[in-house]
Amino acid sequence: MKGFTGFPSGKQRLTPIPNLFFSELLPAIDNLTEMKVTLYAFWALTQQEGLVRYLRLTDFLSDRTLIDGLGSNTQAATEALLDGIERAVARGTFLHVNVESSDGQMDLYFLNTERGRAAIEGITKGEWRPWPDEEKPVTLLIDRPNIFVLYEQNIGALTPIIADELRDAEQTYPPQWIEEAIKIAVENNIRRWRYVLSILERWRQEGKQKPDGISKRDSQKQLRKQIPEEYDDIIKR
């Protein structure tokens, strides 16, 4: 463990952090990398000037002090960084917008503050751009909830193990299936990822029945038939 010699005497530069961070956000964050990138954003944005302040993905990646503290090697640190940023976006701490530039797509991150929200709105309306000479359209990456958002809003808090399983599920099952399976879990008040995953796996193995053309009542029956048998003691078919 690397030791810390302490803060030197004399006046020190300070980084302002809202009290709301300590009362609401800090107790909710359960991932160390998410905590690090969140605190880094507060610091890095105070180094900028102007009313509109944002961080590019390259800003995170190019800071060696940040990267060195996230992993034993560059690849591991980069993967951890991307995971931490994704968690901060899913939680709502960061606002993420993707813009097209002459160099390709650029990922921009704003703090979810009044100014950050106004900047996002200005970009989408074409009233403001990071690069005024660019005329290509802006594509927001928050118009459809990602799997992290769906999980946290409907099932519970993320854990590193669950986060890995969610990524695997994204690669295995269609997004619509995941949304529908989570909806079934909510409707049956069984807010467990294992339950959602068992529904998805059963659909994959046996085929997903389509309730199109039948009544809502019948469609619910069809859905219940696809619920794993291990939950028979909980769900009435």
Protein backbone atom coordinates (compact mmCIF):
# COMPACT_ATOMS: atom_id res chain seq x y z
CA MET A 1 0.00 0.00 0.00
CA LYS A 2 1.37 3.39 -0.97
CA GLY A 3 1.51 5.75 1.99
CA PHE A 4 0.28 9.34 2.10
CA THR A 5 2.53 11.99 3.65
CA GLY A 6 -0.34 14.28 4.51
CA PHE A 7 -1.55 17.63 3.25
CA PRO A 8 1.14 20.34 3.28
CA SER A 9 0.78 23.44 5.36
CA GLY A 10 -0.50 26.65 3.84
CA LYS A 11 -3.45 27.49 1.65
CA GLN A 12 -4.65 24.65 -0.58
CA ARG A 13 -6.82 24.69 -3.70
CA LEU A 14 -10.22 23.17 -3.04
CA THR A 15 -12.70 21.29 -5.20
CA PRO A 16 -16.34 22.23 -4.55
CA ILE A 17 -18.72 19.27 -4.16
CA PRO A 18 -22.45 19.77 -3.47
CA ASN A 19 -23.72 18.64 -0.06
CA LEU A 20 -26.32 16.53 -1.88
CA PHE A 21 -23.48 14.29 -3.03
CA PHE A 22 -22.76 13.28 0.57
CA SER A 23 -26.37 12.95 1.68
CA GLU A 24 -27.85 11.06 -1.30
CA LEU A 25 -25.28 9.98 -3.89
CA LEU A 26 -22.45 8.77 -1.66
CA PRO A 27 -24.59 6.28 0.32
CA ALA A 28 -25.96 4.84 -2.95
CA ILE A 29 -22.64 4.26 -4.74
CA ASP A 30 -21.42 0.72 -4.07
CA ASN A 31 -18.65 0.46 -6.66
CA LEU A 32 -15.17 1.89 -6.05
CA THR A 33 -14.48 2.75 -9.69
CA GLU A 34 -17.80 4.55 -10.02
CA MET A 35 -16.85 6.56 -6.93
CA LYS A 36 -13.44 7.42 -8.38
CA VAL A 37 -14.74 8.60 -11.77
CA THR A 38 -17.49 10.62 -10.07
CA LEU A 39 -15.04 12.43 -7.79
CA TYR A 40 -12.65 12.85 -10.73
CA ALA A 41 -15.39 14.54 -12.75
CA PHE A 42 -16.05 17.06 -9.97
CA TRP A 43 -12.35 17.90 -9.89
CA ALA A 44 -11.73 17.92 -13.65
CA LEU A 45 -14.71 20.14 -14.43
CA THR A 46 -13.56 22.76 -11.92
CA GLN A 47 -10.33 23.03 -13.94
CA GLN A 48 -12.31 24.25 -16.94
CA GLU A 49 -13.61 27.72 -17.70
CA GLY A 50 -16.89 28.87 -19.20
CA LEU A 51 -20.55 28.18 -18.55
CA VAL A 52 -20.68 24.90 -20.49
CA ARG A 53 -18.35 22.28 -19.04
CA TYR A 54 -18.08 18.66 -20.07
CA LEU A 55 -15.62 15.80 -20.21
CA ARG A 56 -14.82 13.72 -23.25
CA LEU A 57 -14.12 10.02 -22.92
CA THR A 58 -10.58 10.82 -24.06
CA ASP A 59 -10.21 13.18 -21.09
CA PHE A 60 -10.70 10.27 -18.70
CA LEU A 61 -8.49 7.94 -20.71
CA SER A 62 -5.62 10.39 -21.09
CA ASP A 63 -5.23 11.12 -17.38
CA ARG A 64 -2.48 8.74 -16.28
CA THR A 65 -2.99 9.45 -12.58
CA LEU A 66 -6.62 8.33 -12.85
CA ILE A 67 -5.82 5.32 -15.05
CA ASP A 68 -2.96 4.12 -12.85
CA GLY A 69 -5.31 3.97 -9.89
CA LEU A 70 -7.93 1.82 -11.64
CA GLY A 71 -6.05 -1.34 -12.56
CA SER A 72 -2.80 -3.27 -12.57
CA ASN A 73 -2.31 -2.65 -16.29
CA THR A 74 -3.69 -0.36 -18.97
CA GLN A 75 -6.21 -2.85 -20.32
CA ALA A 76 -7.64 -3.69 -16.90
CA ALA A 77 -7.72 -0.01 -15.95
CA THR A 78 -9.50 0.95 -19.18
CA GLU A 79 -12.13 -1.75 -18.69
CA ALA A 80 -12.67 -0.62 -15.11
CA LEU A 81 -12.93 3.01 -16.23
CA LEU A 82 -15.58 2.23 -18.85
CA ASP A 83 -17.52 0.21 -16.29
CA GLY A 84 -17.36 3.02 -13.74
CA ILE A 85 -18.52 5.61 -16.26
CA GLU A 86 -21.35 3.34 -17.41
CA ARG A 87 -22.50 2.94 -13.83
CA ALA A 88 -22.40 6.71 -13.26
CA VAL A 89 -24.52 7.24 -16.39
CA ALA A 90 -26.97 4.53 -15.34
CA ARG A 91 -27.27 6.07 -11.88
CA GLY A 92 -27.95 9.49 -13.37
CA THR A 93 -24.82 11.23 -12.06
CA PHE A 94 -23.50 11.76 -15.58
CA LEU A 95 -25.45 12.75 -18.68
CA HIS A 96 -24.05 11.13 -21.82
CA VAL A 97 -24.35 12.42 -25.36
CA ASN A 98 -22.68 11.08 -28.48
CA VAL A 99 -21.86 13.52 -31.29
CA GLU A 100 -20.44 13.10 -34.75
CA SER A 101 -17.27 15.03 -35.54
CA SER A 102 -14.76 15.02 -38.35
CA ASP A 103 -12.77 12.46 -36.32
CA GLY A 104 -15.75 10.17 -35.80
CA GLN A 105 -18.08 9.73 -32.85
CA MET A 106 -17.26 11.58 -29.65
CA ASP A 107 -18.60 10.70 -26.21
CA LEU A 108 -19.32 13.71 -23.98
CA TYR A 109 -20.22 13.59 -20.29
CA PHE A 110 -21.96 16.32 -18.32
CA LEU A 111 -22.76 16.36 -14.62
CA ASN A 112 -26.50 16.02 -14.08
CA THR A 113 -26.90 19.62 -12.97
CA GLU A 114 -29.13 22.40 -14.24
CA ARG A 115 -26.38 23.57 -16.58
CA GLY A 116 -25.61 20.05 -17.72
CA ARG A 117 -29.25 19.36 -18.54
CA ALA A 118 -29.52 22.69 -20.36
CA ALA A 119 -26.41 21.85 -22.39
CA ILE A 120 -27.85 18.47 -23.42
CA GLU A 121 -31.10 20.13 -24.44
CA GLY A 122 -29.22 22.79 -26.39
CA ILE A 123 -27.24 20.16 -28.28
CA THR A 124 -30.30 18.13 -29.23
CA LYS A 125 -32.13 21.25 -30.41
CA GLY A 126 -29.14 22.39 -32.44
CA GLU A 127 -28.77 25.56 -30.38
CA TRP A 128 -25.25 24.76 -29.22
CA ARG A 129 -22.46 22.43 -30.24
CA PRO A 130 -19.00 21.67 -28.87
CA TRP A 131 -17.71 22.17 -32.41
CA PRO A 132 -19.66 25.03 -34.05
CA ASP A 133 -18.35 24.15 -37.53
CA GLU A 134 -19.85 20.68 -37.36
CA GLU A 135 -23.26 20.23 -38.98
CA LYS A 136 -23.77 16.51 -38.47
CA PRO A 137 -26.74 15.36 -36.34
CA VAL A 138 -26.43 14.50 -32.67
CA THR A 139 -27.49 11.09 -31.41
CA LEU A 140 -28.34 10.79 -27.72
CA LEU A 141 -27.46 7.48 -26.11
CA ILE A 142 -30.09 7.88 -23.39
CA ASP A 143 -33.23 7.64 -25.53
CA ARG A 144 -33.61 3.93 -24.72
CA PRO A 145 -32.83 2.65 -21.20
CA ASN A 146 -29.85 0.32 -21.16
CA ILE A 147 -29.85 -2.89 -19.20
CA PHE A 148 -28.20 -1.29 -16.17
CA VAL A 149 -30.96 1.34 -15.99
CA LEU A 150 -33.67 -1.29 -16.42
CA TYR A 151 -32.20 -3.40 -13.64
CA GLU A 152 -31.74 -0.57 -11.16
CA GLN A 153 -35.16 0.92 -11.82
CA ASN A 154 -37.03 -2.38 -11.54
CA ILE A 155 -34.96 -4.99 -9.68
CA GLY A 156 -32.45 -3.41 -7.30
CA ALA A 157 -28.94 -2.05 -6.77
CA LEU A 158 -26.13 -3.23 -9.04
CA THR A 159 -23.32 -5.42 -7.78
CA PRO A 160 -20.16 -6.32 -9.72
CA ILE A 161 -21.40 -9.90 -10.20
CA ILE A 162 -24.82 -8.77 -11.40
CA ALA A 163 -23.20 -6.21 -13.73
CA ASP A 164 -21.20 -9.00 -15.38
CA GLU A 165 -24.32 -11.15 -15.75
CA LEU A 166 -26.22 -8.22 -17.27
CA ARG A 167 -23.53 -7.73 -19.89
CA ASP A 168 -23.62 -11.43 -20.72
CA ALA A 169 -27.41 -11.26 -21.05
CA GLU A 170 -27.12 -8.35 -23.49
CA GLN A 171 -24.94 -10.52 -25.70
CA THR A 172 -27.25 -13.55 -25.44
CA TYR A 173 -30.84 -12.30 -25.57
CA PRO A 174 -32.66 -9.66 -27.65
CA PRO A 175 -33.20 -6.34 -25.80
CA GLN A 176 -36.98 -6.68 -26.12
CA TRP A 177 -36.88 -10.07 -24.42
CA ILE A 178 -34.96 -8.64 -21.48
CA GLU A 179 -37.43 -5.79 -21.09
CA GLU A 180 -40.40 -8.17 -21.23
CA ALA A 181 -38.84 -10.60 -18.74
CA ILE A 182 -38.15 -7.78 -16.29
CA LYS A 183 -41.72 -6.58 -16.75
CA ILE A 184 -42.99 -10.06 -15.86
CA ALA A 185 -40.80 -10.05 -12.74
CA VAL A 186 -42.23 -6.70 -11.67
CA GLU A 187 -45.83 -7.74 -12.37
CA ASN A 188 -45.36 -10.92 -10.32
CA ASN A 189 -43.46 -9.04 -7.60
CA ILE A 190 -40.44 -11.34 -7.90
CA ARG A 191 -37.70 -8.76 -8.33
CA ARG A 192 -34.79 -11.14 -8.69
CA TRP A 193 -32.32 -11.32 -11.55
CA ARG A 194 -32.20 -15.12 -11.28
CA TYR A 195 -35.93 -15.17 -11.95
CA VAL A 196 -35.57 -12.89 -14.99
CA LEU A 197 -32.69 -14.97 -16.29
CA SER A 198 -34.65 -18.21 -15.92
CA ILE A 199 -37.47 -16.75 -18.03
CA LEU A 200 -35.01 -15.67 -20.72
CA GLU A 201 -33.31 -19.05 -20.79
CA ARG A 202 -36.63 -20.86 -21.08
CA TRP A 203 -37.63 -18.62 -23.98
CA ARG A 204 -34.31 -19.35 -25.66
CA GLN A 205 -34.62 -23.12 -25.25
CA GLU A 206 -38.34 -23.58 -25.93
CA GLY A 207 -39.12 -20.59 -28.11
CA LYS A 208 -40.84 -17.41 -27.06
CA GLN A 209 -44.59 -17.50 -27.54
CA LYS A 210 -46.10 -14.43 -29.15
CA PRO A 211 -49.35 -13.19 -27.62
CA ASP A 212 -50.30 -11.19 -30.71
CA GLY A 213 -53.93 -11.49 -31.74
CA ILE A 214 -55.21 -12.69 -28.35
CA SER A 215 -56.80 -10.84 -25.50
CA LYS A 216 -54.82 -9.22 -22.73
CA ARG A 217 -56.14 -11.81 -20.29
CA ASP A 218 -55.08 -14.65 -22.57
CA SER A 219 -51.72 -13.03 -23.19
CA GLN A 220 -51.09 -13.01 -19.44
CA LYS A 221 -51.88 -16.71 -19.34
CA GLN A 222 -49.43 -17.31 -22.15
CA LEU A 223 -46.75 -15.38 -20.33
CA ARG A 224 -47.36 -17.30 -17.11
CA LYS A 225 -46.95 -20.58 -18.99
CA GLN A 226 -43.44 -19.48 -19.86
CA ILE A 227 -42.49 -18.81 -16.24
CA PRO A 228 -40.05 -21.45 -14.92
CA GLU A 229 -41.63 -24.29 -12.93
CA GLU A 230 -39.34 -23.65 -9.96
CA TYR A 231 -41.52 -20.62 -9.17
CA ASP A 232 -44.78 -22.56 -9.07
CA ASP A 233 -44.97 -22.16 -5.31
CA ILE A 234 -44.98 -18.38 -5.76
CA ILE A 235 -46.95 -17.82 -8.96
CA LYS A 236 -50.49 -19.03 -9.53
CA ARG A 237 -50.86 -20.06 -13.16
